[in-house]
Amino acid sequence: MIQRMEILQINLGRSRAASAQLEQTCSELNPSLVCIQEPYVWDEKIVGIPIKFRVVSSITPKTAIIIREKDCTIFPLLIKQNIVAIECSFQDKVIIIINVYISPTVDLNDTLVELDGVIRQCQNKSVILTGDFNAKNIIWGGNVIDERGEQLSEFFLLHNIFLINDKDSEATFQSSNGTSWIDLSLASGELIAQVTHWDVLDNESLSDHKYISF
């Protein structure tokens, strides 16, 4: 990616403990941006984020972007419960950051319509897309393909958004009910070569999901 920019992503599982752990993890890893899904919310607001950092989210959010890099200028493009999109200017570069949470119980098409709109709005710009998509496809890990996974892979292809995930990585979701690879990181073509690493981290998250760094 851009020189010295690091992105961390995590589904916090609506856990207060996981939200508290995030602050410690950020202190250790020092990411520029953090894309979170299912944060712990109290009184319609995310709890546990230090006030010195900028947070872009809706009321009672299911997704948010935390900006820790002081030299990053941001402009919100879309702020909804399940999708946040910002334009981020850093070191004379401009990148669109989109963070998504798609519940397994909602109609995938509704979110894809919203995603389609914001991506088309940002044509000819560099795009990073992160999120918990609750969809399965062997392209991004595991040995299961479901209808949502097929639909998503077609959507990514249509918009020239390419997977950063390593399909041979450790599962991004791990619980007593099993494991899966539902947390995805993607980028437009011109950014792929600039991503120097993508890792599922061993750092304790206190969530069923693992931290992803790139």
Protein backbone atom coordinates (compact mmCIF):
# COMPACT_ATOMS: atom_id res chain seq x y z
CA MET A 1 0.00 0.00 0.00
CA ILE A 2 1.00 3.61 0.43
CA GLN A 3 4.34 3.97 2.15
CA ARG A 4 3.97 3.46 5.91
CA MET A 5 0.19 3.05 5.84
CA GLU A 6 -1.05 -0.01 7.72
CA ILE A 7 -4.65 -1.16 7.90
CA LEU A 8 -6.03 -3.38 10.66
CA GLN A 9 -9.45 -5.02 10.38
CA ILE A 10 -11.49 -6.94 12.92
CA ASN A 11 -15.03 -8.03 13.72
CA LEU A 12 -15.41 -7.33 17.43
CA GLY A 13 -18.50 -9.49 17.80
CA ARG A 14 -20.34 -6.76 19.76
CA SER A 15 -18.06 -7.64 22.67
CA ARG A 16 -17.08 -5.06 25.26
CA ALA A 17 -13.95 -7.07 26.11
CA ALA A 18 -12.92 -7.25 22.44
CA SER A 19 -13.42 -3.50 22.09
CA ALA A 20 -11.19 -2.90 25.10
CA GLN A 21 -8.58 -5.30 23.70
CA LEU A 22 -8.56 -3.35 20.43
CA GLU A 23 -7.02 -0.32 22.14
CA GLN A 24 -4.12 -2.44 23.44
CA THR A 25 -3.62 -4.10 20.07
CA CYS A 26 -3.53 -0.73 18.32
CA SER A 27 -0.90 0.47 20.78
CA GLU A 28 1.24 -2.56 19.90
CA LEU A 29 0.76 -2.54 16.12
CA ASN A 30 0.23 1.19 15.50
CA PRO A 31 -2.03 0.90 12.43
CA SER A 32 -2.91 3.99 10.42
CA LEU A 33 -6.53 2.95 9.99
CA VAL A 34 -8.74 0.36 11.68
CA CYS A 35 -11.80 -1.08 9.95
CA ILE A 36 -14.13 -2.65 12.50
CA GLN A 37 -17.35 -4.59 12.19
CA GLU A 38 -19.88 -5.30 14.94
CA PRO A 39 -18.39 -2.95 17.56
CA TYR A 40 -19.68 -2.81 21.13
CA VAL A 41 -22.31 -0.06 21.20
CA TRP A 42 -23.89 1.68 24.17
CA ASP A 43 -26.43 4.50 23.93
CA GLU A 44 -26.12 4.39 20.12
CA LYS A 45 -22.35 5.02 20.20
CA ILE A 46 -19.23 2.87 19.92
CA VAL A 47 -17.59 2.32 23.30
CA GLY A 48 -13.86 1.98 23.95
CA ILE A 49 -12.27 4.12 21.23
CA PRO A 50 -9.87 6.80 22.60
CA ILE A 51 -11.26 10.27 21.92
CA LYS A 52 -7.96 11.37 20.34
CA PHE A 53 -8.75 9.24 17.27
CA ARG A 54 -11.29 10.11 14.59
CA VAL A 55 -14.14 7.65 14.15
CA VAL A 56 -16.43 7.58 11.13
CA SER A 57 -19.67 5.71 11.81
CA SER A 58 -23.44 6.02 11.89
CA ILE A 59 -25.68 5.98 14.95
CA THR A 60 -25.84 2.45 16.44
CA PRO A 61 -23.30 1.29 13.87
CA LYS A 62 -22.46 -2.19 12.67
CA THR A 63 -19.30 -0.93 11.01
CA ALA A 64 -16.84 1.94 11.47
CA ILE A 65 -13.48 3.26 10.35
CA ILE A 66 -11.02 4.56 12.94
CA ILE A 67 -8.41 7.00 11.68
CA ARG A 68 -5.28 6.98 13.84
CA GLU A 69 -2.92 8.59 11.30
CA LYS A 70 -2.81 12.32 12.05
CA ASP A 71 -1.57 13.21 8.56
CA CYS A 72 -4.51 11.50 6.85
CA THR A 73 -7.17 13.90 5.58
CA ILE A 74 -10.58 12.27 5.24
CA PHE A 75 -13.84 13.04 3.50
CA PRO A 76 -16.89 10.86 4.26
CA LEU A 77 -18.58 9.44 1.15
CA LEU A 78 -21.19 7.14 2.68
CA ILE A 79 -22.14 6.56 6.31
CA LYS A 80 -24.70 3.87 7.04
CA GLN A 81 -25.10 1.22 9.72
CA ASN A 82 -23.55 -1.52 7.62
CA ILE A 83 -21.30 0.44 5.22
CA VAL A 84 -18.83 3.27 5.78
CA ALA A 85 -16.86 4.76 2.90
CA ILE A 86 -14.30 7.56 3.13
CA GLU A 87 -11.86 9.30 0.83
CA CYS A 88 -8.45 9.29 2.50
CA SER A 89 -5.65 11.61 1.38
CA PHE A 90 -2.19 10.67 2.62
CA GLN A 91 1.27 11.50 1.27
CA ASP A 92 -0.16 13.00 -1.95
CA LYS A 93 -2.16 9.84 -2.58
CA VAL A 94 -5.93 9.43 -2.48
CA ILE A 95 -7.53 6.11 -1.56
CA ILE A 96 -11.17 5.22 -1.08
CA ILE A 97 -11.63 3.04 2.02
CA ILE A 98 -14.88 1.07 2.21
CA ASN A 99 -15.76 -1.04 5.25
CA VAL A 100 -18.73 -3.41 5.23
CA TYR A 101 -20.64 -5.75 7.50
CA ILE A 102 -23.17 -8.08 5.89
CA SER A 103 -25.21 -10.08 8.39
CA PRO A 104 -25.87 -13.71 7.43
CA THR A 105 -29.59 -13.02 7.89
CA VAL A 106 -29.96 -10.06 5.50
CA ASP A 107 -30.46 -10.04 1.75
CA LEU A 108 -27.01 -9.77 0.17
CA ASN A 109 -28.46 -7.94 -2.83
CA ASP A 110 -29.46 -4.93 -0.73
CA THR A 111 -25.87 -4.37 0.39
CA LEU A 112 -24.45 -5.02 -3.07
CA VAL A 113 -26.70 -2.30 -4.50
CA GLU A 114 -25.27 0.15 -1.96
CA LEU A 115 -21.72 -1.04 -2.63
CA ASP A 116 -22.24 -0.73 -6.36
CA GLY A 117 -23.32 2.87 -5.93
CA VAL A 118 -20.30 3.97 -3.91
CA ILE A 119 -17.81 2.08 -6.11
CA ARG A 120 -19.24 3.62 -9.27
CA GLN A 121 -19.06 7.02 -7.58
CA CYS A 122 -15.33 6.41 -7.12
CA GLN A 123 -14.47 5.22 -10.63
CA ASN A 124 -10.84 5.78 -11.62
CA LYS A 125 -9.83 6.06 -7.96
CA SER A 126 -7.87 3.57 -5.87
CA VAL A 127 -10.14 1.50 -3.64
CA ILE A 128 -9.64 -0.66 -0.56
CA LEU A 129 -12.62 -2.77 0.52
CA THR A 130 -12.72 -4.61 3.85
CA GLY A 131 -15.42 -6.42 5.73
CA ASP A 132 -17.15 -9.41 7.19
CA PHE A 133 -19.19 -10.64 4.24
CA ASN A 134 -20.54 -13.88 5.77
CA ALA A 135 -20.03 -15.65 2.46
CA LYS A 136 -18.04 -18.76 1.60
CA ASN A 137 -15.91 -19.45 -1.45
CA ILE A 138 -12.80 -21.56 -2.01
CA ILE A 139 -11.28 -18.52 -3.70
CA TRP A 140 -10.69 -16.93 -0.30
CA GLY A 141 -10.34 -20.03 1.87
CA GLY A 142 -11.87 -23.28 3.01
CA ASN A 143 -13.52 -25.94 0.86
CA VAL A 144 -17.11 -24.67 0.74
CA ILE A 145 -18.87 -22.47 -1.80
CA ASP A 146 -22.30 -21.04 -1.06
CA GLU A 147 -24.64 -18.90 -3.14
CA ARG A 148 -23.52 -15.71 -1.42
CA GLY A 149 -19.89 -16.56 -2.12
CA GLU A 150 -20.59 -17.08 -5.81
CA GLN A 151 -22.54 -13.84 -6.00
CA LEU A 152 -19.79 -11.89 -4.26
CA SER A 153 -17.02 -13.23 -6.49
CA GLU A 154 -19.02 -12.15 -9.55
CA PHE A 155 -19.55 -8.69 -8.02
CA PHE A 156 -15.83 -8.25 -7.32
CA LEU A 157 -14.97 -9.31 -10.87
CA LEU A 158 -17.50 -6.88 -12.33
CA HIS A 159 -15.94 -3.97 -10.44
CA ASN A 160 -12.28 -4.99 -10.92
CA ILE A 161 -11.82 -5.37 -7.17
CA PHE A 162 -9.25 -8.05 -6.37
CA LEU A 163 -8.85 -10.28 -3.35
CA ILE A 164 -5.86 -9.66 -1.07
CA ASN A 165 -6.63 -12.65 1.17
CA ASP A 166 -4.36 -15.69 1.10
CA LYS A 167 -6.72 -18.66 0.64
CA ASP A 168 -4.18 -20.85 2.46
CA SER A 169 -4.21 -18.63 5.54
CA GLU A 170 -5.48 -19.49 8.97
CA ALA A 171 -9.27 -19.17 9.22
CA THR A 172 -10.38 -15.62 10.03
CA PHE A 173 -13.34 -16.85 12.12
CA GLN A 174 -12.79 -19.50 14.78
CA SER A 175 -15.36 -20.65 17.33
CA SER A 176 -16.62 -23.78 19.05
CA ASN A 177 -19.04 -24.16 16.14
CA GLY A 178 -16.28 -24.31 13.54
CA THR A 179 -14.05 -22.14 11.38
CA SER A 180 -14.51 -20.08 8.24
CA TRP A 181 -12.90 -17.49 6.00
CA ILE A 182 -15.58 -14.78 5.92
CA ASP A 183 -13.46 -11.68 6.59
CA LEU A 184 -12.15 -10.26 3.33
CA SER A 185 -9.68 -7.61 2.19
CA LEU A 186 -9.78 -6.39 -1.40
CA ALA A 187 -8.18 -3.70 -3.53
CA SER A 188 -8.45 -2.19 -6.97
CA GLY A 189 -5.86 -3.42 -9.46
CA GLU A 190 -3.35 -0.59 -9.20
CA LEU A 191 -3.04 -1.13 -5.43
CA ILE A 192 -2.50 -4.89 -5.39
CA ALA A 193 1.22 -4.66 -6.18
CA GLN A 194 1.64 -2.11 -3.38
CA VAL A 195 0.29 -4.43 -0.69
CA THR A 196 3.52 -5.77 0.80
CA HIS A 197 1.91 -8.18 3.24
CA TRP A 198 -1.44 -9.58 4.36
CA ASP A 199 -1.62 -11.56 7.57
CA VAL A 200 -4.12 -13.21 9.89
CA LEU A 201 -2.59 -12.32 13.24
CA ASP A 202 -2.11 -14.44 16.35
CA ASN A 203 -2.75 -11.45 18.62
CA GLU A 204 -5.55 -12.10 21.12
CA SER A 205 -8.74 -10.40 19.93
CA LEU A 206 -11.25 -11.67 22.55
CA SER A 207 -13.57 -12.14 19.57
CA ASP A 208 -14.44 -15.16 17.45
CA HIS A 209 -12.73 -13.30 14.61
CA LYS A 210 -8.98 -12.84 14.13
CA TYR A 211 -7.17 -9.59 13.45
CA ILE A 212 -6.13 -9.03 9.84
CA SER A 213 -3.28 -6.67 8.99
CA PHE A 214 -2.06 -5.37 5.65
